[in-house]
Amino acid sequence: MNMEIKSVHFELPEDYRELIEKKTHKIEFAQEMIVGLVCTVTKEKGYSLEADIHFRWGKVHHFKAKDFDLRAGIDALFDKIESKVSKEKEKIKRHTK
């Protein structure tokens, strides 16, 4: 899985980059299904986080989260991502039976 982390209007501290990389372990159960993950963190009156997940069958899902606390925003974003990825994996299991 290719992963890209971008920051807009500020330099994302290394510890937050590491936190994002650590959170990707939540979706390792579906690593064979995911081609890429692009995370963008924008700083404007708080933090706006966006992520795009590219699945190997061509589907792309877009996720958003906003928070004044960057750590809480990252947690919220990856909770959404984990939920969607597990739903997609269930769909694939049903179609392959």
PDB file of N, CA and C in Angstrom:
ATOM      1  N   MET A   1       0.857  -1.176   0.000  1.00  0.00           N
ATOM      2  CA  MET A   1       0.000   0.000   0.000  1.00  0.00           C
ATOM      3  C   MET A   1       0.897   1.231   0.000  1.00  0.00           C
ATOM      4  N   ASN A   2       0.655   2.105  -0.969  1.00  0.00           N
ATOM      5  CA  ASN A   2       1.375   3.368  -1.024  1.00  0.00           C
ATOM      6  C   ASN A   2       0.678   4.375  -0.125  1.00  0.00           C
ATOM      7  N   MET A   3       1.459   5.137   0.631  1.00  0.00           N
ATOM      8  CA  MET A   3       0.870   6.125   1.522  1.00  0.00           C
ATOM      9  C   MET A   3       1.569   7.464   1.337  1.00  0.00           C
ATOM     10  N   GLU A   4       0.752   8.512   1.279  1.00  0.00           N
ATOM     11  CA  GLU A   4       1.277   9.869   1.128  1.00  0.00           C
ATOM     12  C   GLU A   4       0.598  10.752   2.169  1.00  0.00           C
ATOM     13  N   ILE A   5       1.407  11.561   2.861  1.00  0.00           N
ATOM     14  CA  ILE A   5       0.881  12.492   3.860  1.00  0.00           C
ATOM     15  C   ILE A   5       1.273  13.899   3.432  1.00  0.00           C
ATOM     16  N   LYS A   6       0.259  14.762   3.275  1.00  0.00           N
ATOM     17  CA  LYS A   6       0.491  16.147   2.856  1.00  0.00           C
ATOM     18  C   LYS A   6       0.011  17.093   3.947  1.00  0.00           C
ATOM     19  N   SER A   7       0.671  18.236   4.057  1.00  0.00           N
ATOM     20  CA  SER A   7       0.185  19.271   4.975  1.00  0.00           C
ATOM     21  C   SER A   7       0.081  20.581   4.196  1.00  0.00           C
ATOM     22  N   VAL A   8      -0.975  21.348   4.507  1.00  0.00           N
ATOM     23  CA  VAL A   8      -1.247  22.601   3.809  1.00  0.00           C
ATOM     24  C   VAL A   8      -1.249  23.735   4.833  1.00  0.00           C
ATOM     25  N   HIS A   9      -0.555  24.806   4.547  1.00  0.00           N
ATOM     26  CA  HIS A   9      -0.475  26.015   5.374  1.00  0.00           C
ATOM     27  C   HIS A   9       0.345  25.840   6.641  1.00  0.00           C
ATOM     28  N   PHE A  10       1.026  24.720   6.810  1.00  0.00           N
ATOM     29  CA  PHE A  10       1.925  24.525   7.948  1.00  0.00           C
ATOM     30  C   PHE A  10       2.772  23.281   7.711  1.00  0.00           C
ATOM     31  N   GLU A  11       3.810  23.132   8.501  1.00  0.00           N
ATOM     32  CA  GLU A  11       4.657  21.944   8.431  1.00  0.00           C
ATOM     33  C   GLU A  11       4.190  20.960   9.496  1.00  0.00           C
ATOM     34  N   LEU A  12       3.733  19.800   9.079  1.00  0.00           N
ATOM     35  CA  LEU A  12       3.225  18.781  10.000  1.00  0.00           C
ATOM     36  C   LEU A  12       4.390  18.222  10.810  1.00  0.00           C
ATOM     37  N   PRO A  13       4.329  18.331  12.145  1.00  0.00           N
ATOM     38  CA  PRO A  13       5.419  17.790  12.977  1.00  0.00           C
ATOM     39  C   PRO A  13       5.598  16.287  12.769  1.00  0.00           C
ATOM     40  N   GLU A  14       6.817  15.853  12.919  1.00  0.00           N
ATOM     41  CA  GLU A  14       7.163  14.446  12.673  1.00  0.00           C
ATOM     42  C   GLU A  14       6.375  13.490  13.570  1.00  0.00           C
ATOM     43  N   ASP A  15       6.104  13.878  14.816  1.00  0.00           N
ATOM     44  CA  ASP A  15       5.372  12.967  15.700  1.00  0.00           C
ATOM     45  C   ASP A  15       3.941  12.733  15.219  1.00  0.00           C
ATOM     46  N   TYR A  16       3.334  13.738  14.556  1.00  0.00           N
ATOM     47  CA  TYR A  16       1.994  13.539  13.999  1.00  0.00           C
ATOM     48  C   TYR A  16       2.046  12.689  12.735  1.00  0.00           C
ATOM     49  N   ARG A  17       3.110  12.826  11.951  1.00  0.00           N
ATOM     50  CA  ARG A  17       3.289  11.943  10.787  1.00  0.00           C
ATOM     51  C   ARG A  17       3.388  10.486  11.256  1.00  0.00           C
ATOM     52  N   GLU A  18       4.153  10.275  12.325  1.00  0.00           N
ATOM     53  CA  GLU A  18       4.303   8.933  12.868  1.00  0.00           C
ATOM     54  C   GLU A  18       2.978   8.409  13.413  1.00  0.00           C
ATOM     55  N   LEU A  19       2.179   9.300  14.036  1.00  0.00           N
ATOM     56  CA  LEU A  19       0.871   8.898  14.540  1.00  0.00           C
ATOM     57  C   LEU A  19      -0.032   8.440  13.392  1.00  0.00           C
ATOM     58  N   ILE A  20      -0.031   9.181  12.293  1.00  0.00           N
ATOM     59  CA  ILE A  20      -0.834   8.799  11.128  1.00  0.00           C
ATOM     60  C   ILE A  20      -0.368   7.445  10.592  1.00  0.00           C
ATOM     61  N   GLU A  21       0.944   7.257  10.491  1.00  0.00           N
ATOM     62  CA  GLU A  21       1.466   5.975  10.012  1.00  0.00           C
ATOM     63  C   GLU A  21       1.078   4.841  10.960  1.00  0.00           C
ATOM     64  N   LYS A  22       1.095   5.118  12.260  1.00  0.00           N
ATOM     65  CA  LYS A  22       0.711   4.111  13.245  1.00  0.00           C
ATOM     66  C   LYS A  22      -0.768   3.756  13.109  1.00  0.00           C
ATOM     67  N   LYS A  23      -1.610   4.767  12.832  1.00  0.00           N
ATOM     68  CA  LYS A  23      -3.052   4.536  12.696  1.00  0.00           C
ATOM     69  C   LYS A  23      -3.374   3.671  11.477  1.00  0.00           C
ATOM     70  N   THR A  24      -2.498   3.674  10.483  1.00  0.00           N
ATOM     71  CA  THR A  24      -2.757   2.830   9.309  1.00  0.00           C
ATOM     72  C   THR A  24      -2.729   1.355   9.672  1.00  0.00           C
ATOM     73  N   HIS A  25      -2.165   1.015  10.824  1.00  0.00           N
ATOM     74  CA  HIS A  25      -2.175  -0.383  11.263  1.00  0.00           C
ATOM     75  C   HIS A  25      -3.605  -0.866  11.529  1.00  0.00           C
ATOM     76  N   LYS A  26      -4.532   0.081  11.757  1.00  0.00           N
ATOM     77  CA  LYS A  26      -5.939  -0.283  11.966  1.00  0.00           C
ATOM     78  C   LYS A  26      -6.556  -0.922  10.724  1.00  0.00           C
ATOM     79  N   ILE A  27      -5.981  -0.601   9.559  1.00  0.00           N
ATOM     80  CA  ILE A  27      -6.552  -1.137   8.318  1.00  0.00           C
ATOM     81  C   ILE A  27      -5.639  -2.174   7.661  1.00  0.00           C
ATOM     82  N   GLU A  28      -4.652  -2.663   8.385  1.00  0.00           N
ATOM     83  CA  GLU A  28      -3.762  -3.687   7.834  1.00  0.00           C
ATOM     84  C   GLU A  28      -4.490  -4.975   7.485  1.00  0.00           C
ATOM     85  N   PHE A  29      -5.626  -5.225   8.158  1.00  0.00           N
ATOM     86  CA  PHE A  29      -6.398  -6.442   7.867  1.00  0.00           C
ATOM     87  C   PHE A  29      -6.878  -6.468   6.421  1.00  0.00           C
ATOM     88  N   ALA A  30      -6.893  -5.314   5.760  1.00  0.00           N
ATOM     89  CA  ALA A  30      -7.360  -5.230   4.374  1.00  0.00           C
ATOM     90  C   ALA A  30      -6.262  -4.711   3.443  1.00  0.00           C
ATOM     91  N   GLN A  31      -5.031  -4.878   3.853  1.00  0.00           N
ATOM     92  CA  GLN A  31      -3.911  -4.325   3.101  1.00  0.00           C
ATOM     93  C   GLN A  31      -3.866  -4.818   1.648  1.00  0.00           C
ATOM     94  N   GLU A  32      -4.268  -6.065   1.409  1.00  0.00           N
ATOM     95  CA  GLU A  32      -4.235  -6.611   0.050  1.00  0.00           C
ATOM     96  C   GLU A  32      -5.289  -5.967  -0.852  1.00  0.00           C
ATOM     97  N   MET A  33      -6.268  -5.277  -0.265  1.00  0.00           N
ATOM     98  CA  MET A  33      -7.338  -4.633  -1.044  1.00  0.00           C
ATOM     99  C   MET A  33      -7.029  -3.177  -1.364  1.00  0.00           C
ATOM    100  N   ILE A  34      -6.118  -2.563  -0.631  1.00  0.00           N
ATOM    101  CA  ILE A  34      -5.866  -1.126  -0.743  1.00  0.00           C
ATOM    102  C   ILE A  34      -4.595  -0.880  -1.549  1.00  0.00           C
ATOM    103  N   VAL A  35      -4.731  -0.028  -2.578  1.00  0.00           N
ATOM    104  CA  VAL A  35      -3.592   0.323  -3.409  1.00  0.00           C
ATOM    105  C   VAL A  35      -2.870   1.522  -2.808  1.00  0.00           C
ATOM    106  N   GLY A  36      -3.633   2.530  -2.381  1.00  0.00           N
ATOM    107  CA  GLY A  36      -2.999   3.734  -1.869  1.00  0.00           C
ATOM    108  C   GLY A  36      -3.859   4.485  -0.881  1.00  0.00           C
ATOM    109  N   LEU A  37      -3.190   5.287  -0.061  1.00  0.00           N
ATOM    110  CA  LEU A  37      -3.855   6.132   0.923  1.00  0.00           C
ATOM    111  C   LEU A  37      -3.175   7.491   0.882  1.00  0.00           C
ATOM    112  N   VAL A  38      -3.975   8.539   0.650  1.00  0.00           N
ATOM    113  CA  VAL A  38      -3.459   9.904   0.633  1.00  0.00           C
ATOM    114  C   VAL A  38      -4.145  10.678   1.747  1.00  0.00           C
ATOM    115  N   CYS A  39      -3.354  11.188   2.686  1.00  0.00           N
ATOM    116  CA  CYS A  39      -3.883  11.992   3.798  1.00  0.00           C
ATOM    117  C   CYS A  39      -3.424  13.437   3.634  1.00  0.00           C
ATOM    118  N   THR A  40      -4.371  14.364   3.766  1.00  0.00           N
ATOM    119  CA  THR A  40      -4.054  15.784   3.677  1.00  0.00           C
ATOM    120  C   THR A  40      -4.541  16.467   4.944  1.00  0.00           C
ATOM    121  N   VAL A  41      -3.644  17.206   5.592  1.00  0.00           N
ATOM    122  CA  VAL A  41      -3.972  17.936   6.807  1.00  0.00           C
ATOM    123  C   VAL A  41      -3.830  19.421   6.494  1.00  0.00           C
ATOM    124  N   THR A  42      -4.931  20.169   6.693  1.00  0.00           N
ATOM    125  CA  THR A  42      -4.945  21.602   6.425  1.00  0.00           C
ATOM    126  C   THR A  42      -5.184  22.345   7.733  1.00  0.00           C
ATOM    127  N   LYS A  43      -4.426  23.416   7.931  1.00  0.00           N
ATOM    128  CA  LYS A  43      -4.596  24.208   9.152  1.00  0.00           C
ATOM    129  C   LYS A  43      -5.262  25.530   8.801  1.00  0.00           C
ATOM    130  N   GLU A  44      -6.505  25.693   9.211  1.00  0.00           N
ATOM    131  CA  GLU A  44      -7.287  26.926   9.054  1.00  0.00           C
ATOM    132  C   GLU A  44      -8.342  26.911  10.139  1.00  0.00           C
ATOM    133  N   LYS A  45      -8.221  27.755  11.133  1.00  0.00           N
ATOM    134  CA  LYS A  45      -9.191  27.775  12.241  1.00  0.00           C
ATOM    135  C   LYS A  45      -9.404  26.370  12.784  1.00  0.00           C
ATOM    136  N   GLY A  46      -8.355  25.723  13.149  1.00  0.00           N
ATOM    137  CA  GLY A  46      -8.407  24.321  13.551  1.00  0.00           C
ATOM    138  C   GLY A  46      -7.764  23.481  12.464  1.00  0.00           C
ATOM    139  N   TYR A  47      -8.075  22.228  12.462  1.00  0.00           N
ATOM    140  CA  TYR A  47      -7.485  21.311  11.490  1.00  0.00           C
ATOM    141  C   TYR A  47      -8.577  20.620  10.689  1.00  0.00           C
ATOM    142  N   SER A  48      -8.341  20.559   9.403  1.00  0.00           N
ATOM    143  CA  SER A  48      -9.228  19.838   8.501  1.00  0.00           C
ATOM    144  C   SER A  48      -8.414  18.675   7.934  1.00  0.00           C
ATOM    145  N   LEU A  49      -8.918  17.482   8.133  1.00  0.00           N
ATOM    146  CA  LEU A  49      -8.213  16.296   7.659  1.00  0.00           C
ATOM    147  C   LEU A  49      -9.032  15.610   6.580  1.00  0.00           C
ATOM    148  N   GLU A  50      -8.365  15.214   5.535  1.00  0.00           N
ATOM    149  CA  GLU A  50      -9.022  14.504   4.444  1.00  0.00           C
ATOM    150  C   GLU A  50      -8.167  13.306   4.067  1.00  0.00           C
ATOM    151  N   ALA A  51      -8.825  12.263   3.620  1.00  0.00           N
ATOM    152  CA  ALA A  51      -8.099  11.068   3.180  1.00  0.00           C
ATOM    153  C   ALA A  51      -8.831  10.454   1.996  1.00  0.00           C
ATOM    154  N   ASP A  52      -8.059   9.937   1.069  1.00  0.00           N
ATOM    155  CA  ASP A  52      -8.584   9.187  -0.068  1.00  0.00           C
ATOM    156  C   ASP A  52      -7.969   7.798  -0.019  1.00  0.00           C
ATOM    157  N   ILE A  53      -8.828   6.795  -0.065  1.00  0.00           N
ATOM    158  CA  ILE A  53      -8.358   5.411  -0.131  1.00  0.00           C
ATOM    159  C   ILE A  53      -8.691   4.878  -1.514  1.00  0.00           C
ATOM    160  N   HIS A  54      -7.689   4.337  -2.168  1.00  0.00           N
ATOM    161  CA  HIS A  54      -7.841   3.760  -3.502  1.00  0.00           C
ATOM    162  C   HIS A  54      -7.805   2.241  -3.365  1.00  0.00           C
ATOM    163  N   PHE A  55      -8.937   1.613  -3.724  1.00  0.00           N
ATOM    164  CA  PHE A  55      -9.012   0.157  -3.674  1.00  0.00           C
ATOM    165  C   PHE A  55      -8.535  -0.430  -4.993  1.00  0.00           C
ATOM    166  N   ARG A  56      -8.092  -1.661  -4.952  1.00  0.00           N
ATOM    167  CA  ARG A  56      -7.497  -2.269  -6.152  1.00  0.00           C
ATOM    168  C   ARG A  56      -8.501  -2.464  -7.278  1.00  0.00           C
ATOM    169  N   TRP A  57      -9.790  -2.472  -7.001  1.00  0.00           N
ATOM    170  CA  TRP A  57     -10.801  -2.637  -8.055  1.00  0.00           C
ATOM    171  C   TRP A  57     -11.251  -1.305  -8.618  1.00  0.00           C
ATOM    172  N   GLY A  58     -10.532  -0.216  -8.306  1.00  0.00           N
ATOM    173  CA  GLY A  58     -10.786   1.071  -8.913  1.00  0.00           C
ATOM    174  C   GLY A  58     -11.647   2.017  -8.104  1.00  0.00           C
ATOM    175  N   LYS A  59     -12.201   1.565  -7.027  1.00  0.00           N
ATOM    176  CA  LYS A  59     -13.069   2.412  -6.208  1.00  0.00           C
ATOM    177  C   LYS A  59     -12.209   3.315  -5.308  1.00  0.00           C
ATOM    178  N   VAL A  60     -12.660   4.567  -5.164  1.00  0.00           N
ATOM    179  CA  VAL A  60     -11.972   5.535  -4.307  1.00  0.00           C
ATOM    180  C   VAL A  60     -12.980   6.071  -3.302  1.00  0.00           C
ATOM    181  N   HIS A  61     -12.602   6.098  -2.042  1.00  0.00           N
ATOM    182  CA  HIS A  61     -13.461   6.665  -1.001  1.00  0.00           C
ATOM    183  C   HIS A  61     -12.766   7.874  -0.406  1.00  0.00           C
ATOM    184  N   HIS A  62     -13.550   8.920  -0.164  1.00  0.00           N
ATOM    185  CA  HIS A  62     -13.041  10.172   0.388  1.00  0.00           C
ATOM    186  C   HIS A  62     -13.596  10.349   1.801  1.00  0.00           C
ATOM    187  N   PHE A  63     -12.736  10.715   2.728  1.00  0.00           N
ATOM    188  CA  PHE A  63     -13.128  10.894   4.122  1.00  0.00           C
ATOM    189  C   PHE A  63     -12.704  12.280   4.598  1.00  0.00           C
ATOM    190  N   LYS A  64     -13.499  12.869   5.503  1.00  0.00           N
ATOM    191  CA  LYS A  64     -13.190  14.185   6.061  1.00  0.00           C
ATOM    192  C   LYS A  64     -13.409  14.171   7.562  1.00  0.00           C
ATOM    193  N   ALA A  65     -12.606  14.953   8.256  1.00  0.00           N
ATOM    194  CA  ALA A  65     -12.791  15.169   9.694  1.00  0.00           C
ATOM    195  C   ALA A  65     -12.247  16.547  10.022  1.00  0.00           C
ATOM    196  N   LYS A  66     -12.889  17.227  10.954  1.00  0.00           N
ATOM    197  CA  LYS A  66     -12.432  18.548  11.402  1.00  0.00           C
ATOM    198  C   LYS A  66     -12.366  18.545  12.917  1.00  0.00           C
ATOM    199  N   ASP A  67     -11.343  19.210  13.440  1.00  0.00           N
ATOM    200  CA  ASP A  67     -11.214  19.322  14.891  1.00  0.00           C
ATOM    201  C   ASP A  67     -10.201  20.416  15.199  1.00  0.00           C
ATOM    202  N   PHE A  68     -10.320  20.999  16.377  1.00  0.00           N
ATOM    203  CA  PHE A  68      -9.337  21.980  16.811  1.00  0.00           C
ATOM    204  C   PHE A  68      -8.099  21.299  17.380  1.00  0.00           C
ATOM    205  N   ASP A  69      -8.244  20.028  17.774  1.00  0.00           N
ATOM    206  CA  ASP A  69      -7.133  19.234  18.276  1.00  0.00           C
ATOM    207  C   ASP A  69      -6.719  18.255  17.181  1.00  0.00           C
ATOM    208  N   LEU A  70      -5.490  18.347  16.745  1.00  0.00           N
ATOM    209  CA  LEU A  70      -5.026  17.520  15.627  1.00  0.00           C
ATOM    210  C   LEU A  70      -5.096  16.031  15.950  1.00  0.00           C
ATOM    211  N   ARG A  71      -4.715  15.648  17.158  1.00  0.00           N
ATOM    212  CA  ARG A  71      -4.739  14.231  17.548  1.00  0.00           C
ATOM    213  C   ARG A  71      -6.170  13.682  17.512  1.00  0.00           C
ATOM    214  N   ALA A  72      -7.130  14.443  18.021  1.00  0.00           N
ATOM    215  CA  ALA A  72      -8.536  14.011  18.009  1.00  0.00           C
ATOM    216  C   ALA A  72      -9.049  13.921  16.571  1.00  0.00           C
ATOM    217  N   GLY A  73      -8.630  14.837  15.716  1.00  0.00           N
ATOM    218  CA  GLY A  73      -9.024  14.799  14.308  1.00  0.00           C
ATOM    219  C   GLY A  73      -8.494  13.566  13.601  1.00  0.00           C
ATOM    220  N   ILE A  74      -7.244  13.201  13.896  1.00  0.00           N
ATOM    221  CA  ILE A  74      -6.652  12.001  13.301  1.00  0.00           C
ATOM    222  C   ILE A  74      -7.409  10.761  13.764  1.00  0.00           C
ATOM    223  N   ASP A  75      -7.723  10.715  15.058  1.00  0.00           N
ATOM    224  CA  ASP A  75      -8.493   9.574  15.589  1.00  0.00           C
ATOM    225  C   ASP A  75      -9.852   9.451  14.904  1.00  0.00           C
ATOM    226  N   ALA A  76     -10.558  10.577  14.759  1.00  0.00           N
ATOM    227  CA  ALA A  76     -11.883  10.568  14.127  1.00  0.00           C
ATOM    228  C   ALA A  76     -11.791  10.120  12.671  1.00  0.00           C
ATOM    229  N   LEU A  77     -10.795  10.619  11.954  1.00  0.00           N
ATOM    230  CA  LEU A  77     -10.622  10.267  10.546  1.00  0.00           C
ATOM    231  C   LEU A  77     -10.372   8.766  10.389  1.00  0.00           C
ATOM    232  N   PHE A  78      -9.487   8.212  11.203  1.00  0.00           N
ATOM    233  CA  PHE A  78      -9.167   6.796  11.058  1.00  0.00           C
ATOM    234  C   PHE A  78     -10.272   5.887  11.570  1.00  0.00           C
ATOM    235  N   ASP A  79     -11.116   6.379  12.474  1.00  0.00           N
ATOM    236  CA  ASP A  79     -12.292   5.597  12.864  1.00  0.00           C
ATOM    237  C   ASP A  79     -13.226   5.445  11.669  1.00  0.00           C
ATOM    238  N   LYS A  80     -13.424   6.540  10.918  1.00  0.00           N
ATOM    239  CA  LYS A  80     -14.266   6.485   9.714  1.00  0.00           C
ATOM    240  C   LYS A  80     -13.659   5.562   8.664  1.00  0.00           C
ATOM    241  N   ILE A  81     -12.351   5.681   8.473  1.00  0.00           N
ATOM    242  CA  ILE A  81     -11.662   4.863   7.476  1.00  0.00           C
ATOM    243  C   ILE A  81     -11.774   3.380   7.831  1.00  0.00           C
ATOM    244  N   GLU A  82     -11.513   3.048   9.086  1.00  0.00           N
ATOM    245  CA  GLU A  82     -11.572   1.651   9.513  1.00  0.00           C
ATOM    246  C   GLU A  82     -12.960   1.064   9.300  1.00  0.00           C
ATOM    247  N   SER A  83     -13.989   1.846   9.611  1.00  0.00           N
ATOM    248  CA  SER A  83     -15.359   1.383   9.436  1.00  0.00           C
ATOM    249  C   SER A  83     -15.656   1.090   7.965  1.00  0.00           C
ATOM    250  N   LYS A  84     -15.297   2.012   7.087  1.00  0.00           N
ATOM    251  CA  LYS A  84     -15.582   1.849   5.662  1.00  0.00           C
ATOM    252  C   LYS A  84     -14.792   0.691   5.059  1.00  0.00           C
ATOM    253  N   VAL A  85     -13.538   0.567   5.446  1.00  0.00           N
ATOM    254  CA  VAL A  85     -12.703  -0.510   4.900  1.00  0.00           C
ATOM    255  C   VAL A  85     -13.257  -1.869   5.318  1.00  0.00           C
ATOM    256  N   SER A  86     -13.709  -1.990   6.559  1.00  0.00           N
ATOM    257  CA  SER A  86     -14.269  -3.278   6.988  1.00  0.00           C
ATOM    258  C   SER A  86     -15.562  -3.582   6.235  1.00  0.00           C
ATOM    259  N   LYS A  87     -16.379  -2.555   5.939  1.00  0.00           N
ATOM    260  CA  LYS A  87     -17.593  -2.772   5.147  1.00  0.00           C
ATOM    261  C   LYS A  87     -17.248  -3.221   3.732  1.00  0.00           C
ATOM    262  N   GLU A  88     -16.237  -2.591   3.130  1.00  0.00           N
ATOM    263  CA  GLU A  88     -15.817  -2.972   1.782  1.00  0.00           C
ATOM    264  C   GLU A  88     -15.298  -4.408   1.770  1.00  0.00           C
ATOM    265  N   LYS A  89     -14.557  -4.780   2.795  1.00  0.00           N
ATOM    266  CA  LYS A  89     -14.028  -6.147   2.850  1.00  0.00           C
ATOM    267  C   LYS A  89     -15.169  -7.154   2.963  1.00  0.00           C
ATOM    268  N   GLU A  90     -16.200  -6.837   3.734  1.00  0.00           N
ATOM    269  CA  GLU A  90     -17.374  -7.719   3.839  1.00  0.00           C
ATOM    270  C   GLU A  90     -18.080  -7.855   2.490  1.00  0.00           C
ATOM    271  N   LYS A  91     -18.201  -6.751   1.757  1.00  0.00           N
ATOM    272  CA  LYS A  91     -18.826  -6.806   0.424  1.00  0.00           C
ATOM    273  C   LYS A  91     -18.054  -7.745  -0.498  1.00  0.00           C
ATOM    274  N   ILE A  92     -16.750  -7.628  -0.460  1.00  0.00           N
ATOM    275  CA  ILE A  92     -15.902  -8.464  -1.316  1.00  0.00           C
ATOM    276  C   ILE A  92     -16.038  -9.933  -0.930  1.00  0.00           C
ATOM    277  N   LYS A  93     -16.096 -10.220   0.366  1.00  0.00           N
ATOM    278  CA  LYS A  93     -16.269 -11.603   0.819  1.00  0.00           C
ATOM    279  C   LYS A  93     -17.577 -12.178   0.305  1.00  0.00           C
ATOM    280  N   ARG A  94     -18.653 -11.377   0.333  1.00  0.00           N
ATOM    281  CA  ARG A  94     -19.962 -11.855  -0.138  1.00  0.00           C
ATOM    282  C   ARG A  94     -19.956 -12.110  -1.627  1.00  0.00           C
ATOM    283  N   HIS A  95     -19.263 -11.273  -2.383  1.00  0.00           N
ATOM    284  CA  HIS A  95     -19.236 -11.422  -3.845  1.00  0.00           C
ATOM    285  C   HIS A  95     -18.368 -12.567  -4.307  1.00  0.00           C
ATOM    286  N   THR A  96     -17.409 -12.951  -3.490  1.00  0.00           N
ATOM    287  CA  THR A  96     -16.502 -14.016  -3.912  1.00  0.00           C
ATOM    288  C   THR A  96     -16.975 -15.393  -3.480  1.00  0.00           C
ATOM    289  N   LYS A  97     -18.070 -15.467  -2.755  1.00  0.00           N
ATOM    290  CA  LYS A  97     -18.584 -16.778  -2.318  1.00  0.00           C
ATOM    291  C   LYS A  97     -19.349 -17.455  -3.432  1.00  0.00           C
TER     292      LYS A  97
END
